Amino acid sequence: MNMTLDHILAGTDKKVLFAGVGNVLKKDDGAGVYIAAGIRNNGRVSGLPVEMGIENHIGKINSLAPDILVIADAADFGRQPGFWRLAGVGEMTDLTTGTHNISFAKLSELFSMPVYILGVQPSDVSFGEEMSLPVKKAVSDISELINSVSGNQSPKNQPRHIQRPNNF
C-alpha cells in the first residue's frame, strides 16, 4: 500500500513523530530540519529537529515511542527543486544528500515503529543559510499541511515564517 502524508496523519489514535535531518548551514539541505521545526506539537503529532545526527537521537526517539516515525530530509529525486514525496525506507537508497552517517535502511532497523522518509528535492546544498525559494515554499507548504491535517491550525491572518531552529 502506498502511504501518503494525509493517510499517516489521518489516524487519530496514532502518534506521529517527524524527525528533521539536514545541515541548516548548507542551504536546501536543511529542509527536513525546518519541516520538523515548523510542526506545532499537539501530543499526537510532533516534530524533532535532529539536524545532522539522527544517530545520536535513536534513544530519545525510541523513548518518545511514536507509532510512526517520519524522517524529513533533502533527497535527490532528479526532479524540480521543491518536489517532495513520502516514501518507504527501501525506496530511498542513495537519494538523500548524505548529512547522516548511516543509511536509512540500517537506521530503520534500530526503531520498533514503522519508518517513512519525507524527501524534498533540493536546488542547492552548497554552504550558506538561505534556502532556495522553491524549497522554502515546499517546506512551508509541508509544515502547514501537517499542522492542518493533524488539527494544529495556525492562528488566522498570521504570516508563517520559516525560522532557523535554535538548538545548535
N, C-alpha and C. Protein backbone atom coordinates (compact mmCIF):
# COMPACT_ATOMS: atom_id res chain seq x y z
N MET A 1 0.84 -1.18 0.00
CA MET A 1 0.00 0.00 0.00
C MET A 1 0.88 1.25 0.00
N ASN A 2 0.57 2.18 -0.86
CA ASN A 2 1.31 3.43 -0.94
C ASN A 2 0.80 4.38 0.13
N MET A 3 1.64 4.73 1.08
CA MET A 3 1.25 5.63 2.15
C MET A 3 1.38 7.07 1.68
N THR A 4 0.45 7.89 2.11
CA THR A 4 0.54 9.33 1.85
C THR A 4 0.61 10.04 3.19
N LEU A 5 1.03 11.27 3.15
CA LEU A 5 1.10 12.06 4.37
C LEU A 5 -0.29 12.20 5.00
N ASP A 6 -1.31 12.43 4.18
CA ASP A 6 -2.68 12.52 4.69
C ASP A 6 -3.07 11.23 5.41
N HIS A 7 -2.73 10.10 4.82
CA HIS A 7 -3.09 8.80 5.41
C HIS A 7 -2.41 8.59 6.76
N ILE A 8 -1.13 8.92 6.83
CA ILE A 8 -0.39 8.76 8.08
C ILE A 8 -0.97 9.66 9.18
N LEU A 9 -1.35 10.87 8.81
CA LEU A 9 -1.85 11.82 9.79
C LEU A 9 -3.32 11.61 10.13
N ALA A 10 -4.04 10.87 9.30
CA ALA A 10 -5.49 10.70 9.50
C ALA A 10 -5.83 9.85 10.71
N GLY A 11 -4.97 8.92 11.08
CA GLY A 11 -5.28 8.05 12.21
C GLY A 11 -5.20 8.80 13.52
N THR A 12 -6.35 9.12 14.10
CA THR A 12 -6.36 9.93 15.31
C THR A 12 -5.81 9.20 16.53
N ASP A 13 -5.65 7.89 16.42
CA ASP A 13 -5.11 7.14 17.55
C ASP A 13 -3.61 6.88 17.42
N LYS A 14 -2.98 7.39 16.38
CA LYS A 14 -1.56 7.15 16.14
C LYS A 14 -0.72 8.38 16.47
N LYS A 15 0.36 8.17 17.24
CA LYS A 15 1.32 9.23 17.49
C LYS A 15 2.34 9.22 16.35
N VAL A 16 2.56 10.39 15.75
CA VAL A 16 3.48 10.51 14.62
C VAL A 16 4.57 11.51 15.00
N LEU A 17 5.82 11.10 14.83
CA LEU A 17 6.96 11.97 15.09
C LEU A 17 7.68 12.24 13.77
N PHE A 18 7.90 13.52 13.48
CA PHE A 18 8.67 13.93 12.31
C PHE A 18 10.05 14.33 12.80
N ALA A 19 11.07 13.57 12.43
CA ALA A 19 12.45 13.87 12.79
C ALA A 19 13.09 14.59 11.59
N GLY A 20 13.55 15.80 11.81
CA GLY A 20 14.11 16.61 10.73
C GLY A 20 15.61 16.49 10.65
N VAL A 21 16.09 15.96 9.52
CA VAL A 21 17.51 15.71 9.29
C VAL A 21 18.04 16.73 8.30
N GLY A 22 19.29 17.14 8.47
CA GLY A 22 19.93 18.01 7.49
C GLY A 22 20.90 18.97 8.14
N ASN A 23 21.56 19.73 7.29
CA ASN A 23 22.53 20.72 7.72
C ASN A 23 22.00 22.10 7.33
N VAL A 24 21.57 22.89 8.32
CA VAL A 24 20.99 24.20 8.03
C VAL A 24 22.04 25.20 7.54
N LEU A 25 23.29 24.82 7.57
CA LEU A 25 24.35 25.69 7.03
C LEU A 25 24.69 25.34 5.59
N LYS A 26 23.92 24.43 4.99
CA LYS A 26 24.14 24.06 3.59
C LYS A 26 22.84 24.25 2.81
N LYS A 27 22.32 25.47 2.86
CA LYS A 27 21.14 25.91 2.12
C LYS A 27 20.01 24.90 2.17
N ASP A 28 19.63 24.31 1.04
CA ASP A 28 18.45 23.45 0.96
C ASP A 28 18.58 22.14 1.73
N ASP A 29 19.79 21.77 2.12
CA ASP A 29 19.98 20.54 2.88
C ASP A 29 19.27 20.59 4.23
N GLY A 30 18.97 21.79 4.71
CA GLY A 30 18.28 21.95 5.99
C GLY A 30 16.78 21.80 5.91
N ALA A 31 16.23 21.44 4.75
CA ALA A 31 14.77 21.37 4.57
C ALA A 31 14.09 20.52 5.64
N GLY A 32 14.62 19.34 5.91
CA GLY A 32 14.00 18.45 6.89
C GLY A 32 13.98 19.04 8.29
N VAL A 33 15.04 19.75 8.64
CA VAL A 33 15.13 20.38 9.95
C VAL A 33 14.05 21.44 10.09
N TYR A 34 13.87 22.25 9.04
CA TYR A 34 12.87 23.30 9.07
C TYR A 34 11.45 22.75 9.08
N ILE A 35 11.23 21.62 8.40
CA ILE A 35 9.90 20.99 8.45
C ILE A 35 9.58 20.59 9.89
N ALA A 36 10.51 19.89 10.54
CA ALA A 36 10.28 19.45 11.92
C ALA A 36 10.09 20.65 12.85
N ALA A 37 10.86 21.71 12.64
CA ALA A 37 10.76 22.89 13.50
C ALA A 37 9.43 23.63 13.28
N GLY A 38 8.83 23.47 12.10
CA GLY A 38 7.58 24.16 11.79
C GLY A 38 6.33 23.44 12.26
N ILE A 39 6.48 22.26 12.83
CA ILE A 39 5.32 21.49 13.29
C ILE A 39 4.95 21.95 14.69
N ARG A 40 3.69 22.27 14.86
CA ARG A 40 3.18 22.65 16.18
C ARG A 40 2.75 21.37 16.90
N ASN A 41 3.52 20.98 17.89
CA ASN A 41 3.27 19.73 18.62
C ASN A 41 1.92 19.78 19.31
N ASN A 42 1.16 18.69 19.17
CA ASN A 42 -0.15 18.63 19.82
C ASN A 42 -0.32 17.38 20.68
N GLY A 43 0.77 16.69 20.96
CA GLY A 43 0.68 15.47 21.75
C GLY A 43 0.52 14.24 20.89
N ARG A 44 -0.05 14.38 19.72
CA ARG A 44 -0.21 13.26 18.79
C ARG A 44 0.76 13.39 17.62
N VAL A 45 0.93 14.59 17.12
CA VAL A 45 1.86 14.85 16.02
C VAL A 45 2.89 15.84 16.53
N SER A 46 4.17 15.51 16.34
CA SER A 46 5.22 16.38 16.83
C SER A 46 6.42 16.36 15.90
N GLY A 47 7.27 17.36 16.06
CA GLY A 47 8.48 17.47 15.27
C GLY A 47 9.70 17.50 16.17
N LEU A 48 10.78 16.91 15.70
CA LEU A 48 12.03 16.87 16.44
C LEU A 48 13.17 17.18 15.47
N PRO A 49 13.70 18.42 15.47
CA PRO A 49 14.83 18.73 14.59
C PRO A 49 16.09 18.04 15.12
N VAL A 50 16.61 17.05 14.39
CA VAL A 50 17.80 16.33 14.83
C VAL A 50 19.05 16.74 14.06
N GLU A 51 18.86 17.57 13.05
CA GLU A 51 19.95 18.08 12.22
C GLU A 51 20.79 16.94 11.64
N MET A 52 22.11 17.02 11.78
CA MET A 52 22.98 16.07 11.09
C MET A 52 23.18 14.77 11.84
N GLY A 53 22.66 14.66 13.05
CA GLY A 53 22.99 13.49 13.86
C GLY A 53 21.79 12.68 14.32
N ILE A 54 20.98 12.20 13.41
CA ILE A 54 19.84 11.38 13.84
C ILE A 54 20.34 10.16 14.62
N GLU A 55 21.54 9.70 14.30
CA GLU A 55 22.11 8.55 15.00
C GLU A 55 22.22 8.83 16.50
N ASN A 56 22.41 10.11 16.87
CA ASN A 56 22.55 10.49 18.27
C ASN A 56 21.21 10.62 18.98
N HIS A 57 20.10 10.48 18.24
CA HIS A 57 18.77 10.65 18.82
C HIS A 57 17.96 9.36 18.84
N ILE A 58 18.59 8.24 18.55
CA ILE A 58 17.88 6.96 18.50
C ILE A 58 17.20 6.66 19.83
N GLY A 59 17.93 6.81 20.93
CA GLY A 59 17.37 6.55 22.26
C GLY A 59 16.20 7.47 22.57
N LYS A 60 16.34 8.75 22.26
CA LYS A 60 15.27 9.71 22.52
C LYS A 60 14.03 9.38 21.69
N ILE A 61 14.23 9.08 20.41
CA ILE A 61 13.09 8.75 19.54
C ILE A 61 12.39 7.50 20.05
N ASN A 62 13.15 6.47 20.39
CA ASN A 62 12.54 5.25 20.93
C ASN A 62 11.82 5.51 22.25
N SER A 63 12.36 6.39 23.09
CA SER A 63 11.70 6.69 24.37
C SER A 63 10.42 7.49 24.17
N LEU A 64 10.36 8.29 23.12
CA LEU A 64 9.12 9.02 22.81
C LEU A 64 8.04 8.06 22.31
N ALA A 65 8.46 6.91 21.79
CA ALA A 65 7.57 5.82 21.38
C ALA A 65 6.45 6.24 20.44
N PRO A 66 6.79 6.91 19.33
CA PRO A 66 5.71 7.22 18.38
C PRO A 66 5.25 5.93 17.70
N ASP A 67 4.03 5.94 17.18
CA ASP A 67 3.53 4.79 16.43
C ASP A 67 4.14 4.78 15.03
N ILE A 68 4.46 5.98 14.51
CA ILE A 68 5.05 6.13 13.18
C ILE A 68 6.14 7.18 13.27
N LEU A 69 7.28 6.89 12.66
CA LEU A 69 8.38 7.85 12.56
C LEU A 69 8.52 8.26 11.11
N VAL A 70 8.50 9.57 10.87
CA VAL A 70 8.74 10.10 9.53
C VAL A 70 10.01 10.92 9.59
N ILE A 71 11.00 10.53 8.81
CA ILE A 71 12.26 11.27 8.76
C ILE A 71 12.20 12.21 7.57
N ALA A 72 12.26 13.51 7.86
CA ALA A 72 12.23 14.52 6.80
C ALA A 72 13.67 14.90 6.45
N ASP A 73 13.95 14.92 5.15
CA ASP A 73 15.33 15.17 4.71
C ASP A 73 15.31 15.67 3.27
N ALA A 74 16.37 16.33 2.86
CA ALA A 74 16.56 16.67 1.46
C ALA A 74 16.88 15.38 0.71
N ALA A 75 16.33 15.21 -0.48
CA ALA A 75 16.55 13.98 -1.25
C ALA A 75 16.60 14.32 -2.73
N ASP A 76 17.56 13.74 -3.42
CA ASP A 76 17.72 14.00 -4.85
C ASP A 76 16.91 12.99 -5.66
N PHE A 77 15.72 13.42 -6.07
CA PHE A 77 14.85 12.59 -6.90
C PHE A 77 15.11 12.83 -8.38
N GLY A 78 15.99 13.79 -8.70
CA GLY A 78 16.20 14.16 -10.09
C GLY A 78 15.01 14.94 -10.64
N ARG A 79 14.29 15.63 -9.78
CA ARG A 79 13.10 16.39 -10.16
C ARG A 79 13.34 17.88 -9.92
N GLN A 80 12.32 18.68 -10.13
CA GLN A 80 12.45 20.12 -9.93
C GLN A 80 12.60 20.44 -8.44
N PRO A 81 13.37 21.48 -8.11
CA PRO A 81 13.53 21.86 -6.71
C PRO A 81 12.17 22.12 -6.06
N GLY A 82 12.01 21.61 -4.84
CA GLY A 82 10.76 21.77 -4.11
C GLY A 82 9.83 20.57 -4.26
N PHE A 83 10.10 19.69 -5.23
CA PHE A 83 9.30 18.47 -5.36
C PHE A 83 9.49 17.66 -4.07
N TRP A 84 8.42 17.05 -3.58
CA TRP A 84 8.55 16.24 -2.37
C TRP A 84 7.63 15.04 -2.45
N ARG A 85 8.02 14.02 -1.71
CA ARG A 85 7.15 12.84 -1.60
C ARG A 85 7.51 12.04 -0.36
N LEU A 86 6.53 11.27 0.08
CA LEU A 86 6.71 10.35 1.19
C LEU A 86 7.04 8.99 0.60
N ALA A 87 8.03 8.33 1.14
CA ALA A 87 8.46 7.05 0.59
C ALA A 87 8.82 6.09 1.72
N GLY A 88 8.81 4.83 1.38
CA GLY A 88 9.30 3.82 2.30
C GLY A 88 10.81 3.88 2.36
N VAL A 89 11.37 3.38 3.43
CA VAL A 89 12.82 3.42 3.63
C VAL A 89 13.56 2.76 2.47
N GLY A 90 13.07 1.63 1.99
CA GLY A 90 13.73 0.91 0.91
C GLY A 90 13.75 1.65 -0.41
N GLU A 91 12.83 2.58 -0.60
CA GLU A 91 12.76 3.35 -1.84
C GLU A 91 13.79 4.48 -1.88
N MET A 92 14.41 4.78 -0.76
CA MET A 92 15.26 5.97 -0.67
C MET A 92 16.74 5.68 -0.80
N THR A 93 17.14 4.53 -1.25
CA THR A 93 18.55 4.19 -1.40
C THR A 93 19.25 5.22 -2.27
N ASP A 94 20.32 5.80 -1.74
CA ASP A 94 21.18 6.75 -2.45
C ASP A 94 20.47 8.02 -2.93
N LEU A 95 19.34 8.37 -2.33
CA LEU A 95 18.66 9.59 -2.75
C LEU A 95 18.86 10.76 -1.80
N THR A 96 19.21 10.49 -0.55
CA THR A 96 19.37 11.60 0.39
C THR A 96 20.71 12.28 0.18
N THR A 97 20.82 13.49 0.73
CA THR A 97 22.00 14.31 0.44
C THR A 97 23.22 13.95 1.29
N GLY A 98 23.09 13.00 2.20
CA GLY A 98 24.26 12.44 2.86
C GLY A 98 24.77 13.18 4.08
N THR A 99 23.90 13.87 4.84
CA THR A 99 24.38 14.54 6.04
C THR A 99 24.28 13.64 7.26
N HIS A 100 23.98 12.38 7.05
CA HIS A 100 23.93 11.43 8.15
C HIS A 100 24.90 10.32 7.83
N ASN A 101 25.30 9.58 8.84
CA ASN A 101 26.38 8.62 8.67
C ASN A 101 25.93 7.18 8.48
N ILE A 102 24.63 6.95 8.41
CA ILE A 102 24.12 5.59 8.30
C ILE A 102 22.95 5.62 7.32
N SER A 103 22.81 4.56 6.55
CA SER A 103 21.71 4.52 5.59
C SER A 103 20.37 4.45 6.33
N PHE A 104 19.34 4.95 5.70
CA PHE A 104 18.02 4.91 6.32
C PHE A 104 17.54 3.47 6.52
N ALA A 105 17.92 2.58 5.63
CA ALA A 105 17.51 1.18 5.78
C ALA A 105 18.10 0.60 7.06
N LYS A 106 19.39 0.82 7.30
CA LYS A 106 20.03 0.33 8.53
C LYS A 106 19.48 1.06 9.75
N LEU A 107 19.30 2.36 9.62
CA LEU A 107 18.79 3.16 10.72
C LEU A 107 17.40 2.70 11.14
N SER A 108 16.55 2.39 10.17
CA SER A 108 15.18 1.99 10.48
C SER A 108 15.12 0.71 11.30
N GLU A 109 16.16 -0.12 11.19
CA GLU A 109 16.22 -1.37 11.96
C GLU A 109 16.39 -1.10 13.46
N LEU A 110 16.80 0.12 13.82
CA LEU A 110 17.02 0.47 15.21
C LEU A 110 15.77 1.01 15.90
N PHE A 111 14.69 1.11 15.14
CA PHE A 111 13.43 1.61 15.67
C PHE A 111 12.40 0.50 15.67
N SER A 112 11.51 0.54 16.65
CA SER A 112 10.47 -0.50 16.74
C SER A 112 9.20 -0.12 16.01
N MET A 113 9.14 1.13 15.49
CA MET A 113 7.95 1.59 14.78
C MET A 113 8.23 1.66 13.29
N PRO A 114 7.17 1.70 12.46
CA PRO A 114 7.38 1.88 11.02
C PRO A 114 8.06 3.23 10.76
N VAL A 115 8.97 3.24 9.78
CA VAL A 115 9.72 4.45 9.44
C VAL A 115 9.46 4.79 7.98
N TYR A 116 9.15 6.06 7.73
CA TYR A 116 8.96 6.57 6.38
C TYR A 116 9.91 7.75 6.19
N ILE A 117 10.19 8.07 4.94
CA ILE A 117 11.05 9.19 4.61
C ILE A 117 10.22 10.22 3.84
N LEU A 118 10.28 11.46 4.30
CA LEU A 118 9.66 12.58 3.59
C LEU A 118 10.80 13.34 2.95
N GLY A 119 10.98 13.16 1.65
CA GLY A 119 12.10 13.76 0.94
C GLY A 119 11.69 15.00 0.18
N VAL A 120 12.55 16.02 0.19
CA VAL A 120 12.34 17.26 -0.55
C VAL A 120 13.51 17.45 -1.50
N GLN A 121 13.20 17.66 -2.78
CA GLN A 121 14.24 17.87 -3.79
C GLN A 121 14.93 19.22 -3.57
N PRO A 122 16.24 19.22 -3.29
CA PRO A 122 16.96 20.49 -3.11
C PRO A 122 17.35 21.10 -4.46
N SER A 123 17.65 22.38 -4.42
CA SER A 123 18.21 23.07 -5.58
C SER A 123 19.71 23.25 -5.38
N ASP A 124 20.09 23.63 -4.15
CA ASP A 124 21.47 23.98 -3.87
C ASP A 124 21.82 23.53 -2.45
N VAL A 125 22.86 22.72 -2.31
CA VAL A 125 23.29 22.27 -0.98
C VAL A 125 24.72 22.75 -0.68
N SER A 126 25.10 23.87 -1.31
CA SER A 126 26.40 24.45 -1.01
C SER A 126 26.29 25.23 0.31
N PHE A 127 27.42 25.67 0.84
CA PHE A 127 27.41 26.38 2.11
C PHE A 127 26.67 27.70 1.99
N GLY A 128 25.88 27.98 3.00
CA GLY A 128 25.06 29.19 3.08
C GLY A 128 23.80 28.88 3.86
N GLU A 129 23.15 29.90 4.38
CA GLU A 129 21.99 29.67 5.24
C GLU A 129 20.66 29.90 4.54
N GLU A 130 20.63 30.51 3.38
CA GLU A 130 19.37 30.85 2.73
C GLU A 130 18.92 29.72 1.80
N MET A 131 17.73 29.19 2.08
CA MET A 131 17.16 28.16 1.20
C MET A 131 16.67 28.79 -0.08
N SER A 132 16.64 28.00 -1.15
CA SER A 132 16.09 28.46 -2.42
C SER A 132 14.58 28.67 -2.25
N LEU A 133 14.01 29.53 -3.07
CA LEU A 133 12.57 29.83 -2.96
C LEU A 133 11.69 28.60 -3.15
N PRO A 134 11.95 27.72 -4.14
CA PRO A 134 11.07 26.55 -4.27
C PRO A 134 11.11 25.62 -3.07
N VAL A 135 12.28 25.46 -2.46
CA VAL A 135 12.40 24.58 -1.29
C VAL A 135 11.78 25.26 -0.08
N LYS A 136 11.99 26.55 0.07
CA LYS A 136 11.37 27.29 1.18
C LYS A 136 9.85 27.17 1.10
N LYS A 137 9.29 27.30 -0.12
CA LYS A 137 7.84 27.17 -0.29
C LYS A 137 7.38 25.75 0.04
N ALA A 138 8.13 24.75 -0.43
CA ALA A 138 7.77 23.35 -0.14
C ALA A 138 7.78 23.09 1.36
N VAL A 139 8.80 23.58 2.05
CA VAL A 139 8.91 23.39 3.50
C VAL A 139 7.71 24.02 4.20
N SER A 140 7.37 25.23 3.81
CA SER A 140 6.22 25.92 4.40
C SER A 140 4.92 25.16 4.10
N ASP A 141 4.75 24.74 2.85
CA ASP A 141 3.54 24.00 2.46
C ASP A 141 3.42 22.68 3.23
N ILE A 142 4.52 21.97 3.36
CA ILE A 142 4.51 20.67 4.06
C ILE A 142 4.18 20.88 5.53
N SER A 143 4.82 21.85 6.17
CA SER A 143 4.54 22.13 7.59
C SER A 143 3.09 22.51 7.79
N GLU A 144 2.56 23.36 6.91
CA GLU A 144 1.15 23.76 7.01
C GLU A 144 0.22 22.57 6.79
N LEU A 145 0.55 21.71 5.83
CA LEU A 145 -0.26 20.52 5.58
C LEU A 145 -0.27 19.63 6.83
N ILE A 146 0.89 19.38 7.39
CA ILE A 146 0.97 18.54 8.59
C ILE A 146 0.14 19.16 9.72
N ASN A 147 0.30 20.46 9.93
CA ASN A 147 -0.41 21.13 11.01
C ASN A 147 -1.92 21.16 10.77
N SER A 148 -2.35 21.33 9.52
CA SER A 148 -3.78 21.40 9.25
C SER A 148 -4.44 20.03 9.33
N VAL A 149 -3.80 19.00 8.79
CA VAL A 149 -4.38 17.66 8.81
C VAL A 149 -4.41 17.12 10.24
N SER A 150 -3.40 17.47 11.04
CA SER A 150 -3.33 16.96 12.41
C SER A 150 -4.09 17.82 13.41
N GLY A 151 -4.74 18.87 12.93
CA GLY A 151 -5.52 19.72 13.81
C GLY A 151 -4.72 20.81 14.49
N ASN A 152 -3.52 21.06 14.02
CA ASN A 152 -2.66 22.10 14.60
C ASN A 152 -2.74 23.38 13.77
N GLN A 153 -3.92 23.91 13.61
CA GLN A 153 -4.12 25.11 12.79
C GLN A 153 -3.35 26.29 13.36
N SER A 154 -2.79 27.12 12.47
CA SER A 154 -2.15 28.34 12.93
C SER A 154 -3.23 29.42 13.09
N PRO A 155 -2.97 30.41 13.92
CA PRO A 155 -3.93 31.48 14.07
C PRO A 155 -4.20 32.16 12.73
N LYS A 156 -5.44 32.57 12.51
CA LYS A 156 -5.84 33.21 11.26
C LYS A 156 -5.09 34.52 11.06
N ASN A 157 -4.81 34.84 9.80
CA ASN A 157 -4.21 36.10 9.38
C ASN A 157 -2.83 36.35 9.98
N GLN A 158 -2.15 35.30 10.40
CA GLN A 158 -0.79 35.47 10.89
C GLN A 158 0.16 34.82 9.91
N PRO A 159 1.10 35.60 9.36
CA PRO A 159 2.04 35.02 8.41
C PRO A 159 2.95 34.02 9.09
N ARG A 160 3.27 32.96 8.38
CA ARG A 160 4.22 31.97 8.90
C ARG A 160 5.56 32.22 8.27
N HIS A 161 6.56 32.32 9.07
CA HIS A 161 7.92 32.49 8.59
C HIS A 161 8.72 31.27 9.01
N ILE A 162 9.56 30.81 8.13
CA ILE A 162 10.44 29.69 8.48
C ILE A 162 11.56 30.28 9.32
N GLN A 163 11.66 29.81 10.54
CA GLN A 163 12.69 30.29 11.43
C GLN A 163 13.75 29.24 11.62
N ARG A 164 14.96 29.69 11.74
CA ARG A 164 16.07 28.79 11.95
C ARG A 164 15.95 28.16 13.33
N PRO A 165 16.05 26.83 13.40
CA PRO A 165 16.00 26.18 14.72
C PRO A 165 17.11 26.73 15.61
N ASN A 166 16.85 26.78 16.90
CA ASN A 166 17.83 27.37 17.82
C ASN A 166 18.50 26.33 18.69
N ASN A 167 18.61 25.11 18.21
CA ASN A 167 19.24 24.08 19.02
C ASN A 167 20.63 23.73 18.49
N PHE A 168 21.49 24.72 18.36
CA PHE A 168 22.85 24.49 17.87
C PHE A 168 23.77 24.18 19.02
